[in-house]
PDB file of N, CA and C in Angstrom:
ATOM      1  N   MET A   1     112.015  14.961 -67.235  1.00  0.00           N
ATOM      2  CA  MET A   1     110.870  15.698 -66.733  1.00  0.00           C
ATOM      3  C   MET A   1     111.223  17.172 -66.672  1.00  0.00           C
ATOM      4  N   ILE A   2     110.271  18.009 -66.896  1.00  0.00           N
ATOM      5  CA  ILE A   2     110.465  19.450 -66.875  1.00  0.00           C
ATOM      6  C   ILE A   2     110.551  19.917 -65.428  1.00  0.00           C
ATOM      7  N   ALA A   3     111.534  20.756 -65.146  1.00  0.00           N
ATOM      8  CA  ALA A   3     111.668  21.297 -63.788  1.00  0.00           C
ATOM      9  C   ALA A   3     110.575  22.325 -63.554  1.00  0.00           C
ATOM     10  N   ILE A   4     109.847  22.148 -62.478  1.00  0.00           N
ATOM     11  CA  ILE A   4     108.754  23.054 -62.143  1.00  0.00           C
ATOM     12  C   ILE A   4     109.196  23.909 -60.963  1.00  0.00           C
ATOM     13  N   PRO A   5     109.112  25.231 -61.120  1.00  0.00           N
ATOM     14  CA  PRO A   5     109.474  26.092 -59.991  1.00  0.00           C
ATOM     15  C   PRO A   5     108.589  25.780 -58.785  1.00  0.00           C
ATOM     16  N   ARG A   6     109.172  25.882 -57.611  1.00  0.00           N
ATOM     17  CA  ARG A   6     108.470  25.530 -56.382  1.00  0.00           C
ATOM     18  C   ARG A   6     107.166  26.304 -56.191  1.00  0.00           C
ATOM     19  N   PRO A   7     107.125  27.640 -56.438  1.00  0.00           N
ATOM     20  CA  PRO A   7     105.837  28.332 -56.271  1.00  0.00           C
ATOM     21  C   PRO A   7     104.764  27.791 -57.210  1.00  0.00           C
ATOM     22  N   ARG A   8     105.171  27.416 -58.408  1.00  0.00           N
ATOM     23  CA  ARG A   8     104.214  26.888 -59.362  1.00  0.00           C
ATOM     24  C   ARG A   8     103.709  25.515 -58.920  1.00  0.00           C
ATOM     25  N   LEU A   9     104.596  24.708 -58.372  1.00  0.00           N
ATOM     26  CA  LEU A   9     104.214  23.399 -57.865  1.00  0.00           C
ATOM     27  C   LEU A   9     103.250  23.542 -56.690  1.00  0.00           C
ATOM     28  N   LEU A  10     103.531  24.493 -55.823  1.00  0.00           N
ATOM     29  CA  LEU A  10     102.641  24.718 -54.688  1.00  0.00           C
ATOM     30  C   LEU A  10     101.275  25.217 -55.156  1.00  0.00           C
ATOM     31  N   ALA A  11     101.288  26.069 -56.175  1.00  0.00           N
ATOM     32  CA  ALA A  11     100.023  26.565 -56.711  1.00  0.00           C
ATOM     33  C   ALA A  11      99.224  25.423 -57.318  1.00  0.00           C
ATOM     34  N   ALA A  12      99.912  24.527 -58.031  1.00  0.00           N
ATOM     35  CA  ALA A  12      99.238  23.369 -58.622  1.00  0.00           C
ATOM     36  C   ALA A  12      98.682  22.471 -57.523  1.00  0.00           C
ATOM     37  N   ALA A  13      99.458  22.279 -56.471  1.00  0.00           N
ATOM     38  CA  ALA A  13      99.004  21.453 -55.357  1.00  0.00           C
ATOM     39  C   ALA A  13      97.773  22.073 -54.692  1.00  0.00           C
ATOM     40  N   ALA A  14      97.806  23.375 -54.515  1.00  0.00           N
ATOM     41  CA  ALA A  14      96.662  24.053 -53.900  1.00  0.00           C
ATOM     42  C   ALA A  14      95.431  23.945 -54.789  1.00  0.00           C
ATOM     43  N   LEU A  15      95.644  24.089 -56.088  1.00  0.00           N
ATOM     44  CA  LEU A  15      94.531  23.973 -57.029  1.00  0.00           C
ATOM     45  C   LEU A  15      93.937  22.571 -56.993  1.00  0.00           C
ATOM     46  N   LEU A  16      94.800  21.561 -56.979  1.00  0.00           N
ATOM     47  CA  LEU A  16      94.316  20.191 -56.898  1.00  0.00           C
ATOM     48  C   LEU A  16      93.588  19.935 -55.576  1.00  0.00           C
ATOM     49  N   ALA A  17      94.102  20.502 -54.527  1.00  0.00           N
ATOM     50  CA  ALA A  17      93.482  20.306 -53.217  1.00  0.00           C
ATOM     51  C   ALA A  17      92.106  20.953 -53.165  1.00  0.00           C
ATOM     52  N   LEU A  18      91.979  22.115 -53.794  1.00  0.00           N
ATOM     53  CA  LEU A  18      90.703  22.820 -53.764  1.00  0.00           C
ATOM     54  C   LEU A  18      89.683  22.201 -54.715  1.00  0.00           C
ATOM     55  N   THR A  19      90.131  21.823 -55.907  1.00  0.00           N
ATOM     56  CA  THR A  19      89.185  21.329 -56.903  1.00  0.00           C
ATOM     57  C   THR A  19      89.011  19.831 -56.846  1.00  0.00           C
ATOM     58  N   GLY A  20      89.994  19.122 -56.411  1.00  0.00           N
ATOM     59  CA  GLY A  20      89.912  17.677 -56.360  1.00  0.00           C
ATOM     60  C   GLY A  20      90.205  17.074 -57.721  1.00  0.00           C
ATOM     61  N   CYS A  21      90.462  15.794 -57.737  1.00  0.00           N
ATOM     62  CA  CYS A  21      90.763  15.090 -58.965  1.00  0.00           C
ATOM     63  C   CYS A  21      90.376  13.634 -58.750  1.00  0.00           C
ATOM     64  N   ALA A  22      89.847  13.002 -59.768  1.00  0.00           N
ATOM     65  CA  ALA A  22      89.383  11.623 -59.635  1.00  0.00           C
ATOM     66  C   ALA A  22      90.508  10.670 -59.283  1.00  0.00           C
ATOM     67  N   ASN A  23      91.718  10.949 -59.753  1.00  0.00           N
ATOM     68  CA  ASN A  23      92.839  10.049 -59.510  1.00  0.00           C
ATOM     69  C   ASN A  23      93.592  10.375 -58.224  1.00  0.00           C
ATOM     70  N   MET A  24      93.282  11.461 -57.590  1.00  0.00           N
ATOM     71  CA  MET A  24      94.005  11.883 -56.397  1.00  0.00           C
ATOM     72  C   MET A  24      93.204  11.512 -55.142  1.00  0.00           C
ATOM     73  N   PRO A  25      93.883  11.088 -54.111  1.00  0.00           N
ATOM     74  CA  PRO A  25      93.169  10.801 -52.862  1.00  0.00           C
ATOM     75  C   PRO A  25      92.670  12.102 -52.234  1.00  0.00           C
ATOM     76  N   SER A  26      91.598  11.985 -51.477  1.00  0.00           N
ATOM     77  CA  SER A  26      91.078  13.188 -50.833  1.00  0.00           C
ATOM     78  C   SER A  26      92.015  13.604 -49.706  1.00  0.00           C
ATOM     79  N   LEU A  27      92.076  14.896 -49.476  1.00  0.00           N
ATOM     80  CA  LEU A  27      92.962  15.408 -48.434  1.00  0.00           C
ATOM     81  C   LEU A  27      92.469  15.017 -47.039  1.00  0.00           C
ATOM     82  N   SER A  28      91.172  14.861 -46.911  1.00  0.00           N
ATOM     83  CA  SER A  28      90.656  14.508 -45.595  1.00  0.00           C
ATOM     84  C   SER A  28      90.952  13.046 -45.251  1.00  0.00           C
ATOM     85  N   GLY A  29      91.049  12.176 -46.269  1.00  0.00           N
ATOM     86  CA  GLY A  29      91.284  10.763 -46.028  1.00  0.00           C
ATOM     87  C   GLY A  29      92.750  10.439 -45.797  1.00  0.00           C
ATOM     88  N   ARG A  30      93.660  11.061 -46.564  1.00  0.00           N
ATOM     89  CA  ARG A  30      95.091  10.796 -46.464  1.00  0.00           C
ATOM     90  C   ARG A  30      95.859  12.075 -46.670  1.00  0.00           C
ATOM     91  N   ARG A  31      97.025  12.055 -46.170  1.00  0.00           N
ATOM     92  CA  ARG A  31      97.882  13.214 -46.371  1.00  0.00           C
ATOM     93  C   ARG A  31      98.557  13.069 -47.727  1.00  0.00           C
ATOM     94  N   VAL A  32      98.450  14.111 -48.555  1.00  0.00           N
ATOM     95  CA  VAL A  32      99.034  14.096 -49.884  1.00  0.00           C
ATOM     96  C   VAL A  32     100.486  14.542 -49.763  1.00  0.00           C
ATOM     97  N   THR A  33     101.374  13.755 -50.321  1.00  0.00           N
ATOM     98  CA  THR A  33     102.792  14.102 -50.244  1.00  0.00           C
ATOM     99  C   THR A  33     103.196  14.857 -51.501  1.00  0.00           C
ATOM    100  N   VAL A  34     104.296  15.562 -51.399  1.00  0.00           N
ATOM    101  CA  VAL A  34     104.824  16.312 -52.536  1.00  0.00           C
ATOM    102  C   VAL A  34     105.185  15.345 -53.660  1.00  0.00           C
ATOM    103  N   GLY A  35     105.694  14.188 -53.300  1.00  0.00           N
ATOM    104  CA  GLY A  35     106.044  13.187 -54.308  1.00  0.00           C
ATOM    105  C   GLY A  35     104.847  12.733 -55.120  1.00  0.00           C
ATOM    106  N   SER A  36     103.721  12.510 -54.443  1.00  0.00           N
ATOM    107  CA  SER A  36     102.531  12.077 -55.177  1.00  0.00           C
ATOM    108  C   SER A  36     102.003  13.204 -56.055  1.00  0.00           C
ATOM    109  N   LEU A  37     102.135  14.442 -55.581  1.00  0.00           N
ATOM    110  CA  LEU A  37     101.723  15.578 -56.414  1.00  0.00           C
ATOM    111  C   LEU A  37     102.613  15.695 -57.648  1.00  0.00           C
ATOM    112  N   LYS A  38     103.934  15.499 -57.456  1.00  0.00           N
ATOM    113  CA  LYS A  38     104.850  15.544 -58.596  1.00  0.00           C
ATOM    114  C   LYS A  38     104.509  14.439 -59.588  1.00  0.00           C
ATOM    115  N   SER A  39     104.186  13.280 -59.082  1.00  0.00           N
ATOM    116  CA  SER A  39     103.817  12.152 -59.934  1.00  0.00           C
ATOM    117  C   SER A  39     102.556  12.485 -60.726  1.00  0.00           C
ATOM    118  N   HIS A  40     101.585  13.059 -60.052  1.00  0.00           N
ATOM    119  CA  HIS A  40     100.334  13.431 -60.713  1.00  0.00           C
ATOM    120  C   HIS A  40     100.584  14.508 -61.765  1.00  0.00           C
ATOM    121  N   VAL A  41     101.394  15.496 -61.443  1.00  0.00           N
ATOM    122  CA  VAL A  41     101.725  16.558 -62.405  1.00  0.00           C
ATOM    123  C   VAL A  41     102.427  15.952 -63.617  1.00  0.00           C
ATOM    124  N   ALA A  42     103.321  14.993 -63.396  1.00  0.00           N
ATOM    125  CA  ALA A  42     104.026  14.343 -64.501  1.00  0.00           C
ATOM    126  C   ALA A  42     103.035  13.606 -65.401  1.00  0.00           C
ATOM    127  N   ARG A  43     102.062  12.909 -64.793  1.00  0.00           N
ATOM    128  CA  ARG A  43     101.041  12.222 -65.598  1.00  0.00           C
ATOM    129  C   ARG A  43     100.228  13.230 -66.399  1.00  0.00           C
ATOM    130  N   LEU A  44      99.870  14.332 -65.776  1.00  0.00           N
ATOM    131  CA  LEU A  44      99.105  15.357 -66.483  1.00  0.00           C
ATOM    132  C   LEU A  44      99.903  15.961 -67.634  1.00  0.00           C
ATOM    133  N   GLU A  45     101.194  16.167 -67.422  1.00  0.00           N
ATOM    134  CA  GLU A  45     102.044  16.705 -68.493  1.00  0.00           C
ATOM    135  C   GLU A  45     102.148  15.710 -69.644  1.00  0.00           C
ATOM    136  N   THR A  46     102.247  14.437 -69.335  1.00  0.00           N
ATOM    137  CA  THR A  46     102.295  13.410 -70.380  1.00  0.00           C
ATOM    138  C   THR A  46     100.998  13.397 -71.170  1.00  0.00           C
ATOM    139  N   GLU A  47      99.890  13.459 -70.457  1.00  0.00           N
ATOM    140  CA  GLU A  47      98.589  13.491 -71.123  1.00  0.00           C
ATOM    141  C   GLU A  47      98.457  14.748 -71.978  1.00  0.00           C
ATOM    142  N   ASN A  48      98.934  15.864 -71.456  1.00  0.00           N
ATOM    143  CA  ASN A  48      98.891  17.127 -72.196  1.00  0.00           C
ATOM    144  C   ASN A  48      99.710  17.019 -73.486  1.00  0.00           C
ATOM    145  N   ASP A  49     100.906  16.426 -73.394  1.00  0.00           N
ATOM    146  CA  ASP A  49     101.742  16.241 -74.583  1.00  0.00           C
ATOM    147  C   ASP A  49     101.036  15.359 -75.612  1.00  0.00           C
ATOM    148  N   GLN A  50     100.395  14.297 -75.140  1.00  0.00           N
ATOM    149  CA  GLN A  50      99.673  13.406 -76.048  1.00  0.00           C
ATOM    150  C   GLN A  50      98.527  14.160 -76.725  1.00  0.00           C
ATOM    151  N   LEU A  51      97.795  14.945 -75.964  1.00  0.00           N
ATOM    152  CA  LEU A  51      96.688  15.713 -76.539  1.00  0.00           C
ATOM    153  C   LEU A  51      97.182  16.744 -77.538  1.00  0.00           C
ATOM    154  N   ARG A  52      98.336  17.341 -77.267  1.00  0.00           N
ATOM    155  CA  ARG A  52      98.916  18.289 -78.228  1.00  0.00           C
ATOM    156  C   ARG A  52      99.290  17.594 -79.532  1.00  0.00           C
ATOM    157  N   ARG A  53      99.854  16.377 -79.432  1.00  0.00           N
ATOM    158  CA  ARG A  53     100.187  15.621 -80.647  1.00  0.00           C
ATOM    159  C   ARG A  53      98.920  15.272 -81.427  1.00  0.00           C
ATOM    160  N   GLU A  54      97.884  14.844 -80.725  1.00  0.00           N
ATOM    161  CA  GLU A  54      96.620  14.517 -81.387  1.00  0.00           C
ATOM    162  C   GLU A  54      96.035  15.755 -82.051  1.00  0.00           C
ATOM    163  N   LEU A  55      96.124  16.892 -81.393  1.00  0.00           N
ATOM    164  CA  LEU A  55      95.622  18.135 -81.968  1.00  0.00           C
ATOM    165  C   LEU A  55      96.395  18.490 -83.228  1.00  0.00           C
ATOM    166  N   ALA A  56      97.713  18.346 -83.191  1.00  0.00           N
ATOM    167  CA  ALA A  56      98.538  18.633 -84.371  1.00  0.00           C
ATOM    168  C   ALA A  56      98.155  17.705 -85.523  1.00  0.00           C
ATOM    169  N   ASP A  57      97.939  16.422 -85.227  1.00  0.00           N
ATOM    170  CA  ASP A  57      97.528  15.476 -86.265  1.00  0.00           C
ATOM    171  C   ASP A  57      96.167  15.864 -86.842  1.00  0.00           C
ATOM    172  N   THR A  58      95.251  16.238 -85.970  1.00  0.00           N
ATOM    173  CA  THR A  58      93.913  16.630 -86.411  1.00  0.00           C
ATOM    174  C   THR A  58      93.971  17.884 -87.273  1.00  0.00           C
ATOM    175  N   GLU A  59      94.797  18.849 -86.876  1.00  0.00           N
ATOM    176  CA  GLU A  59      94.937  20.068 -87.676  1.00  0.00           C
ATOM    177  C   GLU A  59      95.569  19.763 -89.028  1.00  0.00           C
ATOM    178  N   ALA A  60      96.515  18.829 -89.072  1.00  0.00           N
ATOM    179  CA  ALA A  60      97.117  18.438 -90.347  1.00  0.00           C
ATOM    180  C   ALA A  60      96.066  17.775 -91.240  1.00  0.00           C
ATOM    181  N   ASP A  61      95.235  16.912 -90.650  1.00  0.00           N
ATOM    182  CA  ASP A  61      94.155  16.281 -91.413  1.00  0.00           C
ATOM    183  C   ASP A  61      93.178  17.328 -91.937  1.00  0.00           C
ATOM    184  N   ARG A  62      92.848  18.287 -91.103  1.00  0.00           N
ATOM    185  CA  ARG A  62      91.931  19.343 -91.519  1.00  0.00           C
ATOM    186  C   ARG A  62      92.516  20.127 -92.689  1.00  0.00           C
ATOM    187  N   GLY A  63      93.804  20.441 -92.620  1.00  0.00           N
ATOM    188  CA  GLY A  63      94.452  21.157 -93.712  1.00  0.00           C
ATOM    189  C   GLY A  63      94.430  20.356 -95.006  1.00  0.00           C
ATOM    190  N   ARG A  64      94.687  19.042 -94.894  1.00  0.00           N
ATOM    191  CA  ARG A  64      94.644  18.177 -96.068  1.00  0.00           C
ATOM    192  C   ARG A  64      93.236  18.138 -96.652  1.00  0.00           C
ATOM    193  N   LEU A  65      92.223  18.021 -95.781  1.00  0.00           N
ATOM    194  CA  LEU A  65      90.840  17.975 -96.254  1.00  0.00           C
ATOM    195  C   LEU A  65      90.416  19.300 -96.877  1.00  0.00           C
ATOM    196  N   GLU A  66      90.875  20.413 -96.322  1.00  0.00           N
ATOM    197  CA  GLU A  66      90.564  21.714 -96.911  1.00  0.00           C
ATOM    198  C   GLU A  66      91.164  21.829 -98.304  1.00  0.00           C
ATOM    199  N   SER A  67      92.377  21.310 -98.459  1.00  0.00           N
ATOM    200  CA  SER A  67      93.026  21.325 -99.766  1.00  0.00           C
ATOM    201  C   SER A  67      92.250  20.467-100.766  1.00  0.00           C
ATOM    202  N   GLU A  68      91.846  19.271-100.342  1.00  0.00           N
ATOM    203  CA  GLU A  68      91.058  18.397-101.212  1.00  0.00           C
ATOM    204  C   GLU A  68      89.726  19.041-101.572  1.00  0.00           C
ATOM    205  N   LEU A  69      89.091  19.707-100.608  1.00  0.00           N
ATOM    206  CA  LEU A  69      87.821  20.375-100.864  1.00  0.00           C
ATOM    207  C   LEU A  69      88.000  21.492-101.884  1.00  0.00           C
ATOM    208  N   ALA A  70      89.045  22.286-101.719  1.00  0.00           N
ATOM    209  CA  ALA A  70      89.296  23.372-102.666  1.00  0.00           C
ATOM    210  C   ALA A  70      89.527  22.820-104.068  1.00  0.00           C
ATOM    211  N   GLN A  71      90.256  21.713-104.158  1.00  0.00           N
ATOM    212  CA  GLN A  71      90.521  21.093-105.451  1.00  0.00           C
ATOM    213  C   GLN A  71      89.217  20.566-106.069  1.00  0.00           C
ATOM    214  N   ALA A  72      88.377  19.942-105.255  1.00  0.00           N
ATOM    215  CA  ALA A  72      87.097  19.422-105.744  1.00  0.00           C
ATOM    216  C   ALA A  72      86.179  20.565-106.187  1.00  0.00           C
ATOM    217  N   GLU A  73      86.158  21.650-105.429  1.00  0.00           N
ATOM    218  CA  GLU A  73      85.329  22.800-105.807  1.00  0.00           C
ATOM    219  C   GLU A  73      85.822  23.418-107.101  1.00  0.00           C
ATOM    220  N   SER A  74      87.135  23.466-107.283  1.00  0.00           N
ATOM    221  CA  SER A  74      87.699  23.991-108.517  1.00  0.00           C
ATOM    222  C   SER A  74      87.302  23.115-109.703  1.00  0.00           C
ATOM    223  N   SER A  75      87.427  21.808-109.544  1.00  0.00           N
ATOM    224  CA  SER A  75      87.025  20.878-110.607  1.00  0.00           C
ATOM    225  C   SER A  75      85.537  21.013-110.900  1.00  0.00           C
ATOM    226  N   ASN A  76      84.743  21.144-109.867  1.00  0.00           N
ATOM    227  CA  ASN A  76      83.305  21.296-110.028  1.00  0.00           C
ATOM    228  C   ASN A  76      82.995  22.569-110.813  1.00  0.00           C
ATOM    229  N   GLY A  77      83.700  23.653-110.494  1.00  0.00           N
ATOM    230  CA  GLY A  77      83.494  24.904-111.213  1.00  0.00           C
ATOM    231  C   GLY A  77      83.855  24.781-112.685  1.00  0.00           C
ATOM    232  N   GLU A  78      84.958  24.076-112.963  1.00  0.00           N
ATOM    233  CA  GLU A  78      85.360  23.869-114.355  1.00  0.00           C
ATOM    234  C   GLU A  78      84.322  23.036-115.110  1.00  0.00           C
ATOM    235  N   LEU A  79      83.822  21.980-114.479  1.00  0.00           N
ATOM    236  CA  LEU A  79      82.815  21.137-115.118  1.00  0.00           C
ATOM    237  C   LEU A  79      81.508  21.893-115.340  1.00  0.00           C
ATOM    238  N   THR A  80      81.132  22.735-114.386  1.00  0.00           N
ATOM    239  CA  THR A  80      79.919  23.540-114.532  1.00  0.00           C
ATOM    240  C   THR A  80      80.067  24.500-115.706  1.00  0.00           C
ATOM    241  N   ALA A  81      81.234  25.119-115.828  1.00  0.00           N
ATOM    242  CA  ALA A  81      81.479  26.044-116.945  1.00  0.00           C
ATOM    243  C   ALA A  81      81.422  25.297-118.274  1.00  0.00           C
ATOM    244  N   ARG A  82      81.996  24.097-118.333  1.00  0.00           N
ATOM    245  CA  ARG A  82      81.964  23.312-119.576  1.00  0.00           C
ATOM    246  C   ARG A  82      80.537  22.906-119.934  1.00  0.00           C
ATOM    247  N   LEU A  83      79.749  22.548-118.923  1.00  0.00           N
ATOM    248  CA  LEU A  83      78.358  22.184-119.167  1.00  0.00           C
ATOM    249  C   LEU A  83      77.566  23.385-119.670  1.00  0.00           C
ATOM    250  N   ASP A  84      77.789  24.544-119.056  1.00  0.00           N
ATOM    251  CA  ASP A  84      77.106  25.759-119.520  1.00  0.00           C
ATOM    252  C   ASP A  84      77.483  26.084-120.962  1.00  0.00           C
ATOM    253  N   ASP A  85      78.770  25.930-121.299  1.00  0.00           N
ATOM    254  CA  ASP A  85      79.209  26.178-122.677  1.00  0.00           C
ATOM    255  C   ASP A  85      78.544  25.203-123.646  1.00  0.00           C
ATOM    256  N   ALA A  86      78.449  23.940-123.243  1.00  0.00           N
ATOM    257  CA  ALA A  86      77.811  22.945-124.102  1.00  0.00           C
ATOM    258  C   ALA A  86      76.330  23.259-124.283  1.00  0.00           C
ATOM    259  N   ARG A  87      75.672  23.680-123.229  1.00  0.00           N
ATOM    260  CA  ARG A  87      74.252  24.048-123.339  1.00  0.00           C
ATOM    261  C   ARG A  87      74.069  25.235-124.277  1.00  0.00           C
ATOM    262  N   GLN A  88      74.928  26.223-124.156  1.00  0.00           N
ATOM    263  CA  GLN A  88      74.828  27.402-125.042  1.00  0.00           C
ATOM    264  C   GLN A  88      75.079  26.999-126.491  1.00  0.00           C
ATOM    265  N   ALA A  89      76.063  26.147-126.723  1.00  0.00           N
ATOM    266  CA  ALA A  89      76.341  25.701-128.085  1.00  0.00           C
ATOM    267  C   ALA A  89      75.162  24.915-128.640  1.00  0.00           C
ATOM    268  N   LEU A  90      74.526  24.099-127.824  1.00  0.00           N
ATOM    269  CA  LEU A  90      73.371  23.324-128.251  1.00  0.00           C
ATOM    270  C   LEU A  90      72.196  24.234-128.584  1.00  0.00           C
ATOM    271  N   ARG A  91      71.975  25.254-127.754  1.00  0.00           N
ATOM    272  CA  ARG A  91      70.910  26.225-128.034  1.00  0.00           C
ATOM    273  C   ARG A  91      71.185  26.942-129.350  1.00  0.00           C
ATOM    274  N   ALA A  92      72.442  27.311-129.571  1.00  0.00           N
ATOM    275  CA  ALA A  92      72.810  28.026-130.796  1.00  0.00           C
ATOM    276  C   ALA A  92      72.540  27.161-132.024  1.00  0.00           C
ATOM    277  N   GLN A  93      72.606  25.852-131.885  1.00  0.00           N
ATOM    278  CA  GLN A  93      72.344  24.951-133.012  1.00  0.00           C
ATOM    279  C   GLN A  93      70.876  24.552-133.082  1.00  0.00           C
ATOM    280  N   GLY A  94      70.063  25.086-132.158  1.00  0.00           N
ATOM    281  CA  GLY A  94      68.625  24.813-132.174  1.00  0.00           C
ATOM    282  C   GLY A  94      68.252  23.543-131.432  1.00  0.00           C
ATOM    283  N   GLY A  95      69.158  22.997-130.650  1.00  0.00           N
ATOM    284  CA  GLY A  95      68.873  21.766-129.911  1.00  0.00           C
ATOM    285  C   GLY A  95      68.288  22.054-128.541  1.00  0.00           C
ATOM    286  N   ASP A  96      67.933  20.978-127.844  1.00  0.00           N
ATOM    287  CA  ASP A  96      67.366  21.073-126.500  1.00  0.00           C
ATOM    288  C   ASP A  96      68.488  20.876-125.480  1.00  0.00           C
ATOM    289  N   PRO A  97      68.815  21.927-124.696  1.00  0.00           N
ATOM    290  CA  PRO A  97      69.910  21.786-123.722  1.00  0.00           C
ATOM    291  C   PRO A  97      69.598  20.795-122.603  1.00  0.00           C
ATOM    292  N   GLU A  98      68.341  20.507-122.366  1.00  0.00           N
ATOM    293  CA  GLU A  98      67.995  19.544-121.324  1.00  0.00           C
ATOM    294  C   GLU A  98      68.338  18.117-121.748  1.00  0.00           C
ATOM    295  N   ALA A  99      68.540  17.911-123.045  1.00  0.00           N
ATOM    296  CA  ALA A  99      68.906  16.583-123.532  1.00  0.00           C
ATOM    297  C   ALA A  99      70.292  16.186-123.043  1.00  0.00           C
ATOM    298  N   LEU A 100      71.084  17.167-122.619  1.00  0.00           N
ATOM    299  CA  LEU A 100      72.416  16.856-122.101  1.00  0.00           C
ATOM    300  C   LEU A 100      72.338  16.061-120.802  1.00  0.00           C
ATOM    301  N   ALA A 101      71.243  16.221-120.079  1.00  0.00           N
ATOM    302  CA  ALA A 101      71.122  15.558-118.788  1.00  0.00           C
ATOM    303  C   ALA A 101      70.613  14.123-118.913  1.00  0.00           C
ATOM    304  N   SER A 102      69.990  13.766-120.054  1.00  0.00           N
ATOM    305  CA  SER A 102      69.448  12.412-120.186  1.00  0.00           C
ATOM    306  C   SER A 102      70.398  11.560-121.022  1.00  0.00           C
ATOM    307  N   PRO A 103      70.414  10.263-120.765  1.00  0.00           N
ATOM    308  CA  PRO A 103      71.314   9.389-121.521  1.00  0.00           C
ATOM    309  C   PRO A 103      70.845   9.234-122.963  1.00  0.00           C
ATOM    310  N   SER A 104      71.767   9.016-123.847  1.00  0.00           N
ATOM    311  CA  SER A 104      71.421   8.803-125.248  1.00  0.00           C
ATOM    312  C   SER A 104      70.834   7.404-125.396  1.00  0.00           C
ATOM    313  N   PRO A 105      70.084   7.134-126.479  1.00  0.00           N
ATOM    314  CA  PRO A 105      69.463   5.807-126.645  1.00  0.00           C
ATOM    315  C   PRO A 105      70.490   4.671-126.614  1.00  0.00           C
ATOM    316  N   SER A 106      71.689   4.893-127.113  1.00  0.00           N
ATOM    317  CA  SER A 106      72.689   3.823-127.124  1.00  0.00           C
ATOM    318  C   SER A 106      73.257   3.548-125.733  1.00  0.00           C
ATOM    319  N   ASN A 107      73.131   4.509-124.808  1.00  0.00           N
ATOM    320  CA  ASN A 107      73.666   4.343-123.458  1.00  0.00           C
ATOM    321  C   ASN A 107      72.629   3.865-122.448  1.00  0.00           C
ATOM    322  N   ARG A 108      71.388   3.737-122.895  1.00  0.00           N
ATOM    323  CA  ARG A 108      70.334   3.315-121.968  1.00  0.00           C
ATOM    324  C   ARG A 108      70.493   1.849-121.613  1.00  0.00           C
ATOM    325  N   ALA A 109      69.973   1.505-120.453  1.00  0.00           N
ATOM    326  CA  ALA A 109      70.008   0.112-120.014  1.00  0.00           C
ATOM    327  C   ALA A 109      69.078  -0.710-120.890  1.00  0.00           C
ATOM    328  N   PRO A 110      69.408  -1.956-121.158  1.00  0.00           N
ATOM    329  CA  PRO A 110      68.533  -2.792-121.984  1.00  0.00           C
ATOM    330  C   PRO A 110      67.185  -2.972-121.306  1.00  0.00           C
ATOM    331  N   SER A 111      66.157  -3.047-122.117  1.00  0.00           N
ATOM    332  CA  SER A 111      64.819  -3.206-121.544  1.00  0.00           C
ATOM    333  C   SER A 111      64.666  -4.609-120.983  1.00  0.00           C
ATOM    334  N   SER A 112      63.653  -4.783-120.154  1.00  0.00           N
ATOM    335  CA  SER A 112      63.436  -6.084-119.528  1.00  0.00           C
ATOM    336  C   SER A 112      62.958  -7.110-120.558  1.00  0.00           C
ATOM    337  N   LYS A 113      62.447  -6.653-121.738  1.00  0.00           N
ATOM    338  CA  LYS A 113      61.972  -7.552-122.779  1.00  0.00           C
ATOM    339  C   LYS A 113      63.138  -8.170-123.554  1.00  0.00           C
ATOM    340  N   ALA A 114      64.259  -7.501-123.590  1.00  0.00           N
ATOM    341  CA  ALA A 114      65.389  -8.009-124.363  1.00  0.00           C
ATOM    342  C   ALA A 114      65.979  -9.234-123.663  1.00  0.00           C
ATOM    343  N   ARG A 115      66.164 -10.287-124.437  1.00  0.00           N
ATOM    344  CA  ARG A 115      66.686 -11.526-123.895  1.00  0.00           C
ATOM    345  C   ARG A 115      67.825 -12.003-124.793  1.00  0.00           C
ATOM    346  N   THR A 116      68.735 -12.721-124.211  1.00  0.00           N
ATOM    347  CA  THR A 116      69.806 -13.304-125.007  1.00  0.00           C
ATOM    348  C   THR A 116      69.395 -14.710-125.391  1.00  0.00           C
ATOM    349  N   ALA A 117      69.937 -15.166-126.477  1.00  0.00           N
ATOM    350  CA  ALA A 117      69.627 -16.522-126.943  1.00  0.00           C
ATOM    351  C   ALA A 117      70.361 -17.516-126.076  1.00  0.00           C
ATOM    352  N   PRO A 118      69.728 -18.638-125.728  1.00  0.00           N
ATOM    353  CA  PRO A 118      70.410 -19.640-124.907  1.00  0.00           C
ATOM    354  C   PRO A 118      71.542 -20.295-125.692  1.00  0.00           C
ATOM    355  N   ALA A 119      72.552 -20.721-124.984  1.00  0.00           N
ATOM    356  CA  ALA A 119      73.670 -21.403-125.622  1.00  0.00           C
ATOM    357  C   ALA A 119      73.194 -22.782-126.111  1.00  0.00           C
ATOM    358  N   SER A 120      73.713 -23.210-127.235  1.00  0.00           N
ATOM    359  CA  SER A 120      73.285 -24.497-127.772  1.00  0.00           C
ATOM    360  C   SER A 120      73.843 -25.628-126.943  1.00  0.00           C
ATOM    361  N   ASP A 121      73.126 -26.689-126.856  1.00  0.00           N
ATOM    362  CA  ASP A 121      73.523 -27.855-126.076  1.00  0.00           C
ATOM    363  C   ASP A 121      74.568 -28.641-126.865  1.00  0.00           C
ATOM    364  N   PRO A 122      75.772 -28.907-126.306  1.00  0.00           N
ATOM    365  CA  PRO A 122      76.811 -29.591-127.067  1.00  0.00           C
ATOM    366  C   PRO A 122      76.518 -31.064-127.313  1.00  0.00           C
ATOM    367  N   ARG A 123      75.487 -31.656-126.796  1.00  0.00           N
ATOM    368  CA  ARG A 123      75.192 -33.088-126.990  1.00  0.00           C
ATOM    369  C   ARG A 123      74.741 -33.403-128.328  1.00  0.00           C
TER     370      ARG A 123
END
């Protein structure tokens, strides 16, 4: 446990006494001992350490996500540039650049009229 200077401990005790705490008994109901205050401070320090670890993990996740976002934006920019180049090349050849956005006839889904032949009966 971290050694807490006595004035700081007294200040913490006074703060707890003035503001109250859900886990601490009221001063009017029971006398608060220095030991119970030290115990409460130790619990708060443990909770603080846990919250600091969670914050560090969250910041690491945020950094990873920012990196992934930057990479995705870079890829998106490259793809946009390639699409623009393809559209310009298509225009230069007299084609319709909007045709790049629609699927070619060979890539279209089969129509609902198209049916496969049934398998022959082995009997």
